[in-house]
mmCIF file of all heavy atoms, coordinates in Angstrom:
data_MODEL
# 
_entry.id   MODEL 
# 
loop_
_atom_site.group_PDB 
_atom_site.id 
_atom_site.type_symbol 
_atom_site.label_atom_id 
_atom_site.label_alt_id 
_atom_site.label_comp_id 
_atom_site.label_asym_id 
_atom_site.label_entity_id 
_atom_site.label_seq_id 
_atom_site.pdbx_PDB_ins_code 
_atom_site.Cartn_x 
_atom_site.Cartn_y 
_atom_site.Cartn_z 
_atom_site.occupancy 
_atom_site.B_iso_or_equiv 
_atom_site.pdbx_formal_charge 
_atom_site.auth_seq_id 
_atom_site.auth_comp_id 
_atom_site.auth_asym_id 
_atom_site.auth_atom_id 
_atom_site.pdbx_PDB_model_num 
ATOM 1   N N   . PRO A 1 1  ? 11.486  0.710   -1.987  1.00 0.00 ? 1  PRO A N   1 
ATOM 2   C CA  . PRO A 1 1  ? 12.321  -0.340  -2.357  1.00 0.00 ? 1  PRO A CA  1 
ATOM 3   C C   . PRO A 1 1  ? 13.047  -1.019  -1.211  1.00 0.00 ? 1  PRO A C   1 
ATOM 4   O O   . PRO A 1 1  ? 13.381  -2.183  -1.144  1.00 0.00 ? 1  PRO A O   1 
ATOM 5   C CB  . PRO A 1 1  ? 13.274  0.183   -3.416  1.00 0.00 ? 1  PRO A CB  1 
ATOM 6   C CG  . PRO A 1 1  ? 12.579  1.450   -3.902  1.00 0.00 ? 1  PRO A CG  1 
ATOM 7   C CD  . PRO A 1 1  ? 11.831  1.913   -2.750  1.00 0.00 ? 1  PRO A CD  1 
ATOM 8   N N   . ALA A 1 2  ? 13.465  -0.173  -0.197  1.00 0.00 ? 2  ALA A N   1 
ATOM 9   C CA  . ALA A 1 2  ? 14.056  -0.668  1.017   1.00 0.00 ? 2  ALA A CA  1 
ATOM 10  C C   . ALA A 1 2  ? 13.282  -1.754  1.741   1.00 0.00 ? 2  ALA A C   1 
ATOM 11  O O   . ALA A 1 2  ? 13.885  -2.556  2.463   1.00 0.00 ? 2  ALA A O   1 
ATOM 12  C CB  . ALA A 1 2  ? 14.440  0.533   1.982   1.00 0.00 ? 2  ALA A CB  1 
ATOM 13  N N   . ASN A 1 3  ? 12.017  -1.741  1.575   1.00 0.00 ? 3  ASN A N   1 
ATOM 14  C CA  . ASN A 1 3  ? 11.189  -2.671  2.323   1.00 0.00 ? 3  ASN A CA  1 
ATOM 15  C C   . ASN A 1 3  ? 11.463  -4.097  1.819   1.00 0.00 ? 3  ASN A C   1 
ATOM 16  O O   . ASN A 1 3  ? 11.378  -5.071  2.567   1.00 0.00 ? 3  ASN A O   1 
ATOM 17  C CB  . ASN A 1 3  ? 9.744   -2.395  2.141   1.00 0.00 ? 3  ASN A CB  1 
ATOM 18  C CG  . ASN A 1 3  ? 9.282   -1.206  2.906   1.00 0.00 ? 3  ASN A CG  1 
ATOM 19  O OD1 . ASN A 1 3  ? 9.877   -0.875  3.872   1.00 0.00 ? 3  ASN A OD1 1 
ATOM 20  N ND2 . ASN A 1 3  ? 8.116   -0.625  2.448   1.00 0.00 ? 3  ASN A ND2 1 
ATOM 21  N N   . TYR A 1 4  ? 11.915  -4.212  0.555   1.00 0.00 ? 4  TYR A N   1 
ATOM 22  C CA  . TYR A 1 4  ? 12.265  -5.617  0.083   1.00 0.00 ? 4  TYR A CA  1 
ATOM 23  C C   . TYR A 1 4  ? 13.447  -6.154  0.843   1.00 0.00 ? 4  TYR A C   1 
ATOM 24  O O   . TYR A 1 4  ? 13.598  -7.449  1.074   1.00 0.00 ? 4  TYR A O   1 
ATOM 25  C CB  . TYR A 1 4  ? 12.562  -5.574  -1.355  1.00 0.00 ? 4  TYR A CB  1 
ATOM 26  C CG  . TYR A 1 4  ? 11.430  -5.310  -2.349  1.00 0.00 ? 4  TYR A CG  1 
ATOM 27  C CD1 . TYR A 1 4  ? 11.297  -4.126  -2.990  1.00 0.00 ? 4  TYR A CD1 1 
ATOM 28  C CD2 . TYR A 1 4  ? 10.341  -6.292  -2.411  1.00 0.00 ? 4  TYR A CD2 1 
ATOM 29  C CE1 . TYR A 1 4  ? 10.154  -3.961  -3.821  1.00 0.00 ? 4  TYR A CE1 1 
ATOM 30  C CE2 . TYR A 1 4  ? 9.365   -6.137  -3.253  1.00 0.00 ? 4  TYR A CE2 1 
ATOM 31  C CZ  . TYR A 1 4  ? 9.191   -4.923  -3.875  1.00 0.00 ? 4  TYR A CZ  1 
ATOM 32  O OH  . TYR A 1 4  ? 8.149   -4.685  -4.730  1.00 0.00 ? 4  TYR A OH  1 
ATOM 33  N N   . LEU A 1 5  ? 14.359  -5.294  1.333   1.00 0.00 ? 5  LEU A N   1 
ATOM 34  C CA  . LEU A 1 5  ? 15.485  -5.720  2.091   1.00 0.00 ? 5  LEU A CA  1 
ATOM 35  C C   . LEU A 1 5  ? 15.297  -5.850  3.595   1.00 0.00 ? 5  LEU A C   1 
ATOM 36  O O   . LEU A 1 5  ? 15.739  -6.750  4.249   1.00 0.00 ? 5  LEU A O   1 
ATOM 37  C CB  . LEU A 1 5  ? 16.707  -4.796  1.791   1.00 0.00 ? 5  LEU A CB  1 
ATOM 38  C CG  . LEU A 1 5  ? 17.239  -4.813  0.365   1.00 0.00 ? 5  LEU A CG  1 
ATOM 39  C CD1 . LEU A 1 5  ? 18.297  -3.801  0.233   1.00 0.00 ? 5  LEU A CD1 1 
ATOM 40  C CD2 . LEU A 1 5  ? 17.870  -6.195  0.006   1.00 0.00 ? 5  LEU A CD2 1 
ATOM 41  N N   . PHE A 1 6  ? 14.500  -4.799  4.213   1.00 0.00 ? 6  PHE A N   1 
ATOM 42  C CA  . PHE A 1 6  ? 14.440  -4.669  5.564   1.00 0.00 ? 6  PHE A CA  1 
ATOM 43  C C   . PHE A 1 6  ? 13.121  -5.031  6.137   1.00 0.00 ? 6  PHE A C   1 
ATOM 44  O O   . PHE A 1 6  ? 12.841  -5.265  7.340   1.00 0.00 ? 6  PHE A O   1 
ATOM 45  C CB  . PHE A 1 6  ? 14.845  -3.269  5.924   1.00 0.00 ? 6  PHE A CB  1 
ATOM 46  C CG  . PHE A 1 6  ? 16.239  -2.952  5.506   1.00 0.00 ? 6  PHE A CG  1 
ATOM 47  C CD1 . PHE A 1 6  ? 16.440  -1.950  4.526   1.00 0.00 ? 6  PHE A CD1 1 
ATOM 48  C CD2 . PHE A 1 6  ? 17.394  -3.542  5.978   1.00 0.00 ? 6  PHE A CD2 1 
ATOM 49  C CE1 . PHE A 1 6  ? 17.771  -1.585  3.933   1.00 0.00 ? 6  PHE A CE1 1 
ATOM 50  C CE2 . PHE A 1 6  ? 18.678  -3.317  5.479   1.00 0.00 ? 6  PHE A CE2 1 
ATOM 51  C CZ  . PHE A 1 6  ? 18.834  -2.288  4.539   1.00 0.00 ? 6  PHE A CZ  1 
ATOM 52  N N   . LYS A 1 7  ? 12.016  -4.937  5.362   1.00 0.00 ? 7  LYS A N   1 
ATOM 53  C CA  . LYS A 1 7  ? 10.710  -5.283  5.806   1.00 0.00 ? 7  LYS A CA  1 
ATOM 54  C C   . LYS A 1 7  ? 9.937   -6.121  4.801   1.00 0.00 ? 7  LYS A C   1 
ATOM 55  O O   . LYS A 1 7  ? 8.905   -5.655  4.161   1.00 0.00 ? 7  LYS A O   1 
ATOM 56  C CB  . LYS A 1 7  ? 9.840   -3.965  6.002   1.00 0.00 ? 7  LYS A CB  1 
ATOM 57  C CG  . LYS A 1 7  ? 10.396  -3.197  7.177   1.00 0.00 ? 7  LYS A CG  1 
ATOM 58  C CD  . LYS A 1 7  ? 9.470   -1.925  7.362   1.00 0.00 ? 7  LYS A CD  1 
ATOM 59  C CE  . LYS A 1 7  ? 9.987   -1.001  8.483   1.00 0.00 ? 7  LYS A CE  1 
ATOM 60  N NZ  . LYS A 1 7  ? 9.134   0.162   8.658   1.00 0.00 ? 7  LYS A NZ  1 
ATOM 61  N N   . PRO A 1 8  ? 10.485  -7.315  4.498   1.00 0.00 ? 8  PRO A N   1 
ATOM 62  C CA  . PRO A 1 8  ? 9.903   -8.130  3.389   1.00 0.00 ? 8  PRO A CA  1 
ATOM 63  C C   . PRO A 1 8  ? 8.422   -8.574  3.665   1.00 0.00 ? 8  PRO A C   1 
ATOM 64  O O   . PRO A 1 8  ? 7.684   -8.853  2.700   1.00 0.00 ? 8  PRO A O   1 
ATOM 65  C CB  . PRO A 1 8  ? 10.789  -9.279  3.360   1.00 0.00 ? 8  PRO A CB  1 
ATOM 66  C CG  . PRO A 1 8  ? 11.436  -9.345  4.661   1.00 0.00 ? 8  PRO A CG  1 
ATOM 67  C CD  . PRO A 1 8  ? 11.578  -7.909  5.062   1.00 0.00 ? 8  PRO A CD  1 
ATOM 68  N N   . GLU A 1 9  ? 7.976   -8.511  4.905   1.00 0.00 ? 9  GLU A N   1 
ATOM 69  C CA  . GLU A 1 9  ? 6.642   -8.848  5.210   1.00 0.00 ? 9  GLU A CA  1 
ATOM 70  C C   . GLU A 1 9  ? 5.679   -7.723  5.007   1.00 0.00 ? 9  GLU A C   1 
ATOM 71  O O   . GLU A 1 9  ? 4.417   -7.970  4.974   1.00 0.00 ? 9  GLU A O   1 
ATOM 72  C CB  . GLU A 1 9  ? 6.556   -9.366  6.680   1.00 0.00 ? 9  GLU A CB  1 
ATOM 73  C CG  . GLU A 1 9  ? 6.636   -8.252  7.750   1.00 0.00 ? 9  GLU A CG  1 
ATOM 74  C CD  . GLU A 1 9  ? 8.124   -7.595  7.868   1.00 0.00 ? 9  GLU A CD  1 
ATOM 75  O OE1 . GLU A 1 9  ? 9.030   -8.245  7.445   1.00 0.00 ? 9  GLU A OE1 1 
ATOM 76  O OE2 . GLU A 1 9  ? 8.285   -6.587  8.573   1.00 0.00 ? 9  GLU A OE2 1 
ATOM 77  N N   . HIS A 1 10 ? 6.143   -6.533  4.750   1.00 0.00 ? 10 HIS A N   1 
ATOM 78  C CA  . HIS A 1 10 ? 5.311   -5.337  4.511   1.00 0.00 ? 10 HIS A CA  1 
ATOM 79  C C   . HIS A 1 10 ? 4.486   -5.595  3.218   1.00 0.00 ? 10 HIS A C   1 
ATOM 80  O O   . HIS A 1 10 ? 4.992   -5.966  2.114   1.00 0.00 ? 10 HIS A O   1 
ATOM 81  C CB  . HIS A 1 10 ? 6.124   -4.092  4.362   1.00 0.00 ? 10 HIS A CB  1 
ATOM 82  C CG  . HIS A 1 10 ? 5.330   -2.885  4.260   1.00 0.00 ? 10 HIS A CG  1 
ATOM 83  N ND1 . HIS A 1 10 ? 4.462   -2.432  5.390   1.00 0.00 ? 10 HIS A ND1 1 
ATOM 84  C CD2 . HIS A 1 10 ? 5.231   -1.931  3.339   1.00 0.00 ? 10 HIS A CD2 1 
ATOM 85  C CE1 . HIS A 1 10 ? 3.945   -1.295  5.031   1.00 0.00 ? 10 HIS A CE1 1 
ATOM 86  N NE2 . HIS A 1 10 ? 4.276   -0.958  3.753   1.00 0.00 ? 10 HIS A NE2 1 
ATOM 87  N N   . ARG A 1 11 ? 3.144   -5.306  3.317   1.00 0.00 ? 11 ARG A N   1 
ATOM 88  C CA  . ARG A 1 11 ? 2.226   -5.481  2.147   1.00 0.00 ? 11 ARG A CA  1 
ATOM 89  C C   . ARG A 1 11 ? 1.580   -4.110  1.868   1.00 0.00 ? 11 ARG A C   1 
ATOM 90  O O   . ARG A 1 11 ? 1.081   -3.461  2.756   1.00 0.00 ? 11 ARG A O   1 
ATOM 91  C CB  . ARG A 1 11 ? 1.212   -6.538  2.437   1.00 0.00 ? 11 ARG A CB  1 
ATOM 92  C CG  . ARG A 1 11 ? 1.736   -7.888  2.835   1.00 0.00 ? 11 ARG A CG  1 
ATOM 93  C CD  . ARG A 1 11 ? 2.430   -8.609  1.578   1.00 0.00 ? 11 ARG A CD  1 
ATOM 94  N NE  . ARG A 1 11 ? 2.973   -9.917  1.942   1.00 0.00 ? 11 ARG A NE  1 
ATOM 95  C CZ  . ARG A 1 11 ? 4.196   -10.117 2.350   1.00 0.00 ? 11 ARG A CZ  1 
ATOM 96  N NH1 . ARG A 1 11 ? 5.030   -9.168  2.267   1.00 0.00 ? 11 ARG A NH1 1 
ATOM 97  N NH2 . ARG A 1 11 ? 4.608   -11.397 2.560   1.00 0.00 ? 11 ARG A NH2 1 
ATOM 98  N N   . VAL A 1 12 ? 1.527   -3.826  0.582   1.00 0.00 ? 12 VAL A N   1 
ATOM 99  C CA  . VAL A 1 12 ? 0.766   -2.601  0.205   1.00 0.00 ? 12 VAL A CA  1 
ATOM 100 C C   . VAL A 1 12 ? -0.194  -2.967  -0.907  1.00 0.00 ? 12 VAL A C   1 
ATOM 101 O O   . VAL A 1 12 ? 0.183   -3.366  -2.012  1.00 0.00 ? 12 VAL A O   1 
ATOM 102 C CB  . VAL A 1 12 ? 1.758   -1.548  -0.367  1.00 0.00 ? 12 VAL A CB  1 
ATOM 103 C CG1 . VAL A 1 12 ? 1.008   -0.299  -0.753  1.00 0.00 ? 12 VAL A CG1 1 
ATOM 104 C CG2 . VAL A 1 12 ? 2.790   -1.121  0.777   1.00 0.00 ? 12 VAL A CG2 1 
ATOM 105 N N   . LEU A 1 13 ? -1.452  -3.123  -0.587  1.00 0.00 ? 13 LEU A N   1 
ATOM 106 C CA  . LEU A 1 13 ? -2.489  -3.606  -1.601  1.00 0.00 ? 13 LEU A CA  1 
ATOM 107 C C   . LEU A 1 13 ? -3.248  -2.438  -2.096  1.00 0.00 ? 13 LEU A C   1 
ATOM 108 O O   . LEU A 1 13 ? -3.699  -1.572  -1.419  1.00 0.00 ? 13 LEU A O   1 
ATOM 109 C CB  . LEU A 1 13 ? -3.458  -4.520  -0.837  1.00 0.00 ? 13 LEU A CB  1 
ATOM 110 C CG  . LEU A 1 13 ? -2.815  -5.855  -0.201  1.00 0.00 ? 13 LEU A CG  1 
ATOM 111 C CD1 . LEU A 1 13 ? -3.930  -6.719  0.422   1.00 0.00 ? 13 LEU A CD1 1 
ATOM 112 C CD2 . LEU A 1 13 ? -2.041  -6.654  -1.209  1.00 0.00 ? 13 LEU A CD2 1 
ATOM 113 N N   . GLY A 1 14 ? -3.348  -2.500  -3.474  1.00 0.00 ? 14 GLY A N   1 
ATOM 114 C CA  . GLY A 1 14 ? -4.074  -1.393  -4.142  1.00 0.00 ? 14 GLY A CA  1 
ATOM 115 C C   . GLY A 1 14 ? -5.561  -1.744  -4.255  1.00 0.00 ? 14 GLY A C   1 
ATOM 116 O O   . GLY A 1 14 ? -6.079  -2.692  -3.608  1.00 0.00 ? 14 GLY A O   1 
ATOM 117 N N   . PRO A 1 15 ? -6.275  -1.053  -5.146  1.00 0.00 ? 15 PRO A N   1 
ATOM 118 C CA  . PRO A 1 15 ? -7.726  -1.332  -5.304  1.00 0.00 ? 15 PRO A CA  1 
ATOM 119 C C   . PRO A 1 15 ? -7.895  -2.666  -5.906  1.00 0.00 ? 15 PRO A C   1 
ATOM 120 O O   . PRO A 1 15 ? -7.092  -3.216  -6.630  1.00 0.00 ? 15 PRO A O   1 
ATOM 121 C CB  . PRO A 1 15 ? -8.114  -0.111  -6.174  1.00 0.00 ? 15 PRO A CB  1 
ATOM 122 C CG  . PRO A 1 15 ? -6.922  0.296   -6.877  1.00 0.00 ? 15 PRO A CG  1 
ATOM 123 C CD  . PRO A 1 15 ? -5.827  0.143   -5.933  1.00 0.00 ? 15 PRO A CD  1 
ATOM 124 N N   . GLU A 1 16 ? -9.084  -3.187  -5.687  1.00 0.00 ? 16 GLU A N   1 
ATOM 125 C CA  . GLU A 1 16 ? -9.439  -4.499  -6.267  1.00 0.00 ? 16 GLU A CA  1 
ATOM 126 C C   . GLU A 1 16 ? -9.570  -4.410  -7.770  1.00 0.00 ? 16 GLU A C   1 
ATOM 127 O O   . GLU A 1 16 ? -10.048 -3.483  -8.446  1.00 0.00 ? 16 GLU A O   1 
ATOM 128 C CB  . GLU A 1 16 ? -10.827 -4.999  -5.672  1.00 0.00 ? 16 GLU A CB  1 
ATOM 129 C CG  . GLU A 1 16 ? -11.154 -6.397  -6.249  1.00 0.00 ? 16 GLU A CG  1 
ATOM 130 C CD  . GLU A 1 16 ? -12.444 -6.849  -5.491  1.00 0.00 ? 16 GLU A CD  1 
ATOM 131 O OE1 . GLU A 1 16 ? -13.260 -6.116  -5.108  1.00 0.00 ? 16 GLU A OE1 1 
ATOM 132 O OE2 . GLU A 1 16 ? -12.578 -8.109  -5.436  1.00 0.00 ? 16 GLU A OE2 1 
ATOM 133 N N   . LEU A 1 17 ? -8.981  -5.429  -8.392  1.00 0.00 ? 17 LEU A N   1 
ATOM 134 C CA  . LEU A 1 17 ? -9.028  -5.597  -9.835  1.00 0.00 ? 17 LEU A CA  1 
ATOM 135 C C   . LEU A 1 17 ? -10.048 -6.579  -10.285 1.00 0.00 ? 17 LEU A C   1 
ATOM 136 O O   . LEU A 1 17 ? -10.561 -7.372  -9.451  1.00 0.00 ? 17 LEU A O   1 
ATOM 137 C CB  . LEU A 1 17 ? -7.604  -6.067  -10.330 1.00 0.00 ? 17 LEU A CB  1 
ATOM 138 C CG  . LEU A 1 17 ? -6.454  -5.117  -10.169 1.00 0.00 ? 17 LEU A CG  1 
ATOM 139 C CD1 . LEU A 1 17 ? -5.131  -5.639  -10.697 1.00 0.00 ? 17 LEU A CD1 1 
ATOM 140 C CD2 . LEU A 1 17 ? -6.752  -3.773  -10.896 1.00 0.00 ? 17 LEU A CD2 1 
ATOM 141 N N   . PRO A 1 18 ? -10.463 -6.554  -11.622 1.00 0.00 ? 18 PRO A N   1 
ATOM 142 C CA  . PRO A 1 18 ? -11.534 -7.506  -12.000 1.00 0.00 ? 18 PRO A CA  1 
ATOM 143 C C   . PRO A 1 18 ? -11.162 -8.933  -12.214 1.00 0.00 ? 18 PRO A C   1 
ATOM 144 O O   . PRO A 1 18 ? -11.229 -9.526  -13.325 1.00 0.00 ? 18 PRO A O   1 
ATOM 145 C CB  . PRO A 1 18 ? -11.978 -6.810  -13.326 1.00 0.00 ? 18 PRO A CB  1 
ATOM 146 C CG  . PRO A 1 18 ? -10.660 -6.132  -13.800 1.00 0.00 ? 18 PRO A CG  1 
ATOM 147 C CD  . PRO A 1 18 ? -10.005 -5.754  -12.614 1.00 0.00 ? 18 PRO A CD  1 
ATOM 148 N N   . TRP A 1 19 ? -10.647 -9.525  -11.136 1.00 0.00 ? 19 TRP A N   1 
ATOM 149 C CA  . TRP A 1 19 ? -10.170 -10.911 -11.116 1.00 0.00 ? 19 TRP A CA  1 
ATOM 150 C C   . TRP A 1 19 ? -11.314 -11.932 -11.413 1.00 0.00 ? 19 TRP A C   1 
ATOM 151 O O   . TRP A 1 19 ? -11.106 -12.919 -12.056 1.00 0.00 ? 19 TRP A O   1 
ATOM 152 C CB  . TRP A 1 19 ? -9.443  -11.327 -9.973  1.00 0.00 ? 19 TRP A CB  1 
ATOM 153 C CG  . TRP A 1 19 ? -10.250 -11.254 -8.672  1.00 0.00 ? 19 TRP A CG  1 
ATOM 154 C CD1 . TRP A 1 19 ? -10.496 -10.288 -7.833  1.00 0.00 ? 19 TRP A CD1 1 
ATOM 155 C CD2 . TRP A 1 19 ? -11.006 -12.404 -8.141  1.00 0.00 ? 19 TRP A CD2 1 
ATOM 156 N NE1 . TRP A 1 19 ? -11.354 -10.650 -6.823  1.00 0.00 ? 19 TRP A NE1 1 
ATOM 157 C CE2 . TRP A 1 19 ? -11.692 -11.910 -6.987  1.00 0.00 ? 19 TRP A CE2 1 
ATOM 158 C CE3 . TRP A 1 19 ? -11.243 -13.720 -8.509  1.00 0.00 ? 19 TRP A CE3 1 
ATOM 159 C CZ2 . TRP A 1 19 ? -12.486 -12.758 -6.167  1.00 0.00 ? 19 TRP A CZ2 1 
ATOM 160 C CZ3 . TRP A 1 19 ? -12.013 -14.483 -7.750  1.00 0.00 ? 19 TRP A CZ3 1 
ATOM 161 C CH2 . TRP A 1 19 ? -12.712 -14.076 -6.568  1.00 0.00 ? 19 TRP A CH2 1 
ATOM 162 N N   . ARG A 1 20 ? -12.458 -11.620 -11.054 1.00 0.00 ? 20 ARG A N   1 
ATOM 163 C CA  . ARG A 1 20 ? -13.586 -12.482 -11.315 1.00 0.00 ? 20 ARG A CA  1 
ATOM 164 C C   . ARG A 1 20 ? -13.883 -12.551 -12.828 1.00 0.00 ? 20 ARG A C   1 
ATOM 165 O O   . ARG A 1 20 ? -14.199 -13.634 -13.368 1.00 0.00 ? 20 ARG A O   1 
ATOM 166 C CB  . ARG A 1 20 ? -14.889 -11.975 -10.571 1.00 0.00 ? 20 ARG A CB  1 
ATOM 167 C CG  . ARG A 1 20 ? -14.711 -12.122 -9.011  1.00 0.00 ? 20 ARG A CG  1 
ATOM 168 C CD  . ARG A 1 20 ? -16.048 -11.553 -8.372  1.00 0.00 ? 20 ARG A CD  1 
ATOM 169 N NE  . ARG A 1 20 ? -15.812 -11.596 -6.923  1.00 0.00 ? 20 ARG A NE  1 
ATOM 170 C CZ  . ARG A 1 20 ? -15.298 -10.659 -6.230  1.00 0.00 ? 20 ARG A CZ  1 
ATOM 171 N NH1 . ARG A 1 20 ? -14.712 -9.571  -6.918  1.00 0.00 ? 20 ARG A NH1 1 
ATOM 172 N NH2 . ARG A 1 20 ? -15.178 -10.729 -4.889  1.00 0.00 ? 20 ARG A NH2 1 
ATOM 173 N N   . ASP A 1 21 ? -13.767 -11.433 -13.537 1.00 0.00 ? 21 ASP A N   1 
ATOM 174 C CA  . ASP A 1 21 ? -13.915 -11.425 -14.936 1.00 0.00 ? 21 ASP A CA  1 
ATOM 175 C C   . ASP A 1 21 ? -12.874 -12.221 -15.590 1.00 0.00 ? 21 ASP A C   1 
ATOM 176 O O   . ASP A 1 21 ? -13.115 -12.911 -16.618 1.00 0.00 ? 21 ASP A O   1 
ATOM 177 C CB  . ASP A 1 21 ? -13.972 -10.028 -15.500 1.00 0.00 ? 21 ASP A CB  1 
ATOM 178 C CG  . ASP A 1 21 ? -15.023 -9.182  -15.035 1.00 0.00 ? 21 ASP A CG  1 
ATOM 179 O OD1 . ASP A 1 21 ? -16.066 -9.715  -14.556 1.00 0.00 ? 21 ASP A OD1 1 
ATOM 180 O OD2 . ASP A 1 21 ? -14.953 -7.966  -15.058 1.00 0.00 ? 21 ASP A OD2 1 
ATOM 181 N N   . LEU A 1 22 ? -11.581 -12.092 -15.108 1.00 0.00 ? 22 LEU A N   1 
ATOM 182 C CA  . LEU A 1 22 ? -10.470 -12.909 -15.780 1.00 0.00 ? 22 LEU A CA  1 
ATOM 183 C C   . LEU A 1 22 ? -10.745 -14.379 -15.552 1.00 0.00 ? 22 LEU A C   1 
ATOM 184 O O   . LEU A 1 22 ? -10.509 -15.163 -16.441 1.00 0.00 ? 22 LEU A O   1 
ATOM 185 C CB  . LEU A 1 22 ? -9.198  -12.440 -15.130 1.00 0.00 ? 22 LEU A CB  1 
ATOM 186 C CG  . LEU A 1 22 ? -7.925  -13.075 -15.680 1.00 0.00 ? 22 LEU A CG  1 
ATOM 187 C CD1 . LEU A 1 22 ? -7.808  -12.756 -17.217 1.00 0.00 ? 22 LEU A CD1 1 
ATOM 188 C CD2 . LEU A 1 22 ? -6.642  -12.647 -14.962 1.00 0.00 ? 22 LEU A CD2 1 
ATOM 189 N N   . ARG A 1 23 ? -11.080 -14.727 -14.240 1.00 0.00 ? 23 ARG A N   1 
ATOM 190 C CA  . ARG A 1 23 ? -11.346 -16.198 -14.010 1.00 0.00 ? 23 ARG A CA  1 
ATOM 191 C C   . ARG A 1 23 ? -12.548 -16.721 -14.901 1.00 0.00 ? 23 ARG A C   1 
ATOM 192 O O   . ARG A 1 23 ? -12.399 -17.851 -15.440 1.00 0.00 ? 23 ARG A O   1 
ATOM 193 C CB  . ARG A 1 23 ? -11.716 -16.343 -12.557 1.00 0.00 ? 23 ARG A CB  1 
ATOM 194 C CG  . ARG A 1 23 ? -11.912 -17.824 -12.208 1.00 0.00 ? 23 ARG A CG  1 
ATOM 195 C CD  . ARG A 1 23 ? -12.569 -17.951 -10.781 1.00 0.00 ? 23 ARG A CD  1 
ATOM 196 N NE  . ARG A 1 23 ? -12.667 -19.306 -10.403 1.00 0.00 ? 23 ARG A NE  1 
ATOM 197 C CZ  . ARG A 1 23 ? -13.685 -20.122 -10.788 1.00 0.00 ? 23 ARG A CZ  1 
ATOM 198 N NH1 . ARG A 1 23 ? -14.655 -19.597 -11.485 1.00 0.00 ? 23 ARG A NH1 1 
ATOM 199 N NH2 . ARG A 1 23 ? -13.673 -21.431 -10.439 1.00 0.00 ? 23 ARG A NH2 1 
ATOM 200 N N   . ALA A 1 24 ? -13.551 -15.960 -15.050 1.00 0.00 ? 24 ALA A N   1 
ATOM 201 C CA  . ALA A 1 24 ? -14.725 -16.486 -15.845 1.00 0.00 ? 24 ALA A CA  1 
ATOM 202 C C   . ALA A 1 24 ? -14.256 -16.542 -17.305 1.00 0.00 ? 24 ALA A C   1 
ATOM 203 O O   . ALA A 1 24 ? -14.639 -17.562 -17.956 1.00 0.00 ? 24 ALA A O   1 
ATOM 204 C CB  . ALA A 1 24 ? -15.891 -15.349 -15.770 1.00 0.00 ? 24 ALA A CB  1 
ATOM 205 N N   . ALA A 1 25 ? -13.448 -15.646 -17.801 1.00 0.00 ? 25 ALA A N   1 
ATOM 206 C CA  . ALA A 1 25 ? -12.960 -15.823 -19.212 1.00 0.00 ? 25 ALA A CA  1 
ATOM 207 C C   . ALA A 1 25 ? -12.016 -17.022 -19.311 1.00 0.00 ? 25 ALA A C   1 
ATOM 208 O O   . ALA A 1 25 ? -12.192 -17.758 -20.382 1.00 0.00 ? 25 ALA A O   1 
ATOM 209 C CB  . ALA A 1 25 ? -12.236 -14.501 -19.554 1.00 0.00 ? 25 ALA A CB  1 
ATOM 210 N N   . PHE A 1 26 ? -11.165 -17.244 -18.394 1.00 0.00 ? 26 PHE A N   1 
ATOM 211 C CA  . PHE A 1 26 ? -10.280 -18.384 -18.471 1.00 0.00 ? 26 PHE A CA  1 
ATOM 212 C C   . PHE A 1 26 ? -11.119 -19.671 -18.541 1.00 0.00 ? 26 PHE A C   1 
ATOM 213 O O   . PHE A 1 26 ? -10.896 -20.622 -19.288 1.00 0.00 ? 26 PHE A O   1 
ATOM 214 C CB  . PHE A 1 26 ? -9.389  -18.496 -17.246 1.00 0.00 ? 26 PHE A CB  1 
ATOM 215 C CG  . PHE A 1 26 ? -8.168  -17.584 -17.496 1.00 0.00 ? 26 PHE A CG  1 
ATOM 216 C CD1 . PHE A 1 26 ? -7.198  -17.520 -16.392 1.00 0.00 ? 26 PHE A CD1 1 
ATOM 217 C CD2 . PHE A 1 26 ? -7.901  -16.824 -18.555 1.00 0.00 ? 26 PHE A CD2 1 
ATOM 218 C CE1 . PHE A 1 26 ? -6.060  -16.665 -16.471 1.00 0.00 ? 26 PHE A CE1 1 
ATOM 219 C CE2 . PHE A 1 26 ? -6.813  -16.043 -18.681 1.00 0.00 ? 26 PHE A CE2 1 
ATOM 220 C CZ  . PHE A 1 26 ? -5.850  -15.946 -17.644 1.00 0.00 ? 26 PHE A CZ  1 
ATOM 221 N N   . VAL A 1 27 ? -12.046 -19.787 -17.585 1.00 0.00 ? 27 VAL A N   1 
ATOM 222 C CA  . VAL A 1 27 ? -12.827 -21.046 -17.475 1.00 0.00 ? 27 VAL A CA  1 
ATOM 223 C C   . VAL A 1 27 ? -13.760 -21.182 -18.724 1.00 0.00 ? 27 VAL A C   1 
ATOM 224 O O   . VAL A 1 27 ? -13.960 -22.340 -19.244 1.00 0.00 ? 27 VAL A O   1 
ATOM 225 C CB  . VAL A 1 27 ? -13.790 -20.943 -16.183 1.00 0.00 ? 27 VAL A CB  1 
ATOM 226 C CG1 . VAL A 1 27 ? -14.766 -22.076 -16.132 1.00 0.00 ? 27 VAL A CG1 1 
ATOM 227 C CG2 . VAL A 1 27 ? -12.866 -20.925 -14.939 1.00 0.00 ? 27 VAL A CG2 1 
ATOM 228 N N   . GLU A 1 28 ? -14.296 -20.191 -19.164 1.00 0.00 ? 28 GLU A N   1 
ATOM 229 C CA  . GLU A 1 28 ? -15.155 -20.181 -20.475 1.00 0.00 ? 28 GLU A CA  1 
ATOM 230 C C   . GLU A 1 28 ? -14.373 -20.800 -21.613 1.00 0.00 ? 28 GLU A C   1 
ATOM 231 O O   . GLU A 1 28 ? -14.864 -21.511 -22.443 1.00 0.00 ? 28 GLU A O   1 
ATOM 232 C CB  . GLU A 1 28 ? -15.701 -18.822 -20.786 1.00 0.00 ? 28 GLU A CB  1 
ATOM 233 C CG  . GLU A 1 28 ? -16.632 -18.841 -21.983 1.00 0.00 ? 28 GLU A CG  1 
ATOM 234 C CD  . GLU A 1 28 ? -17.150 -17.429 -22.261 1.00 0.00 ? 28 GLU A CD  1 
ATOM 235 O OE1 . GLU A 1 28 ? -16.985 -16.511 -21.462 1.00 0.00 ? 28 GLU A OE1 1 
ATOM 236 O OE2 . GLU A 1 28 ? -17.842 -17.302 -23.346 1.00 0.00 ? 28 GLU A OE2 1 
# 
């Protein structure tokens, strides 16, 4: 939580999520 105050540029990315499936469903 301290990164929000002192290192806001810090990024922690997790595993890829099924965004392509979500996009396809929205467009459909």
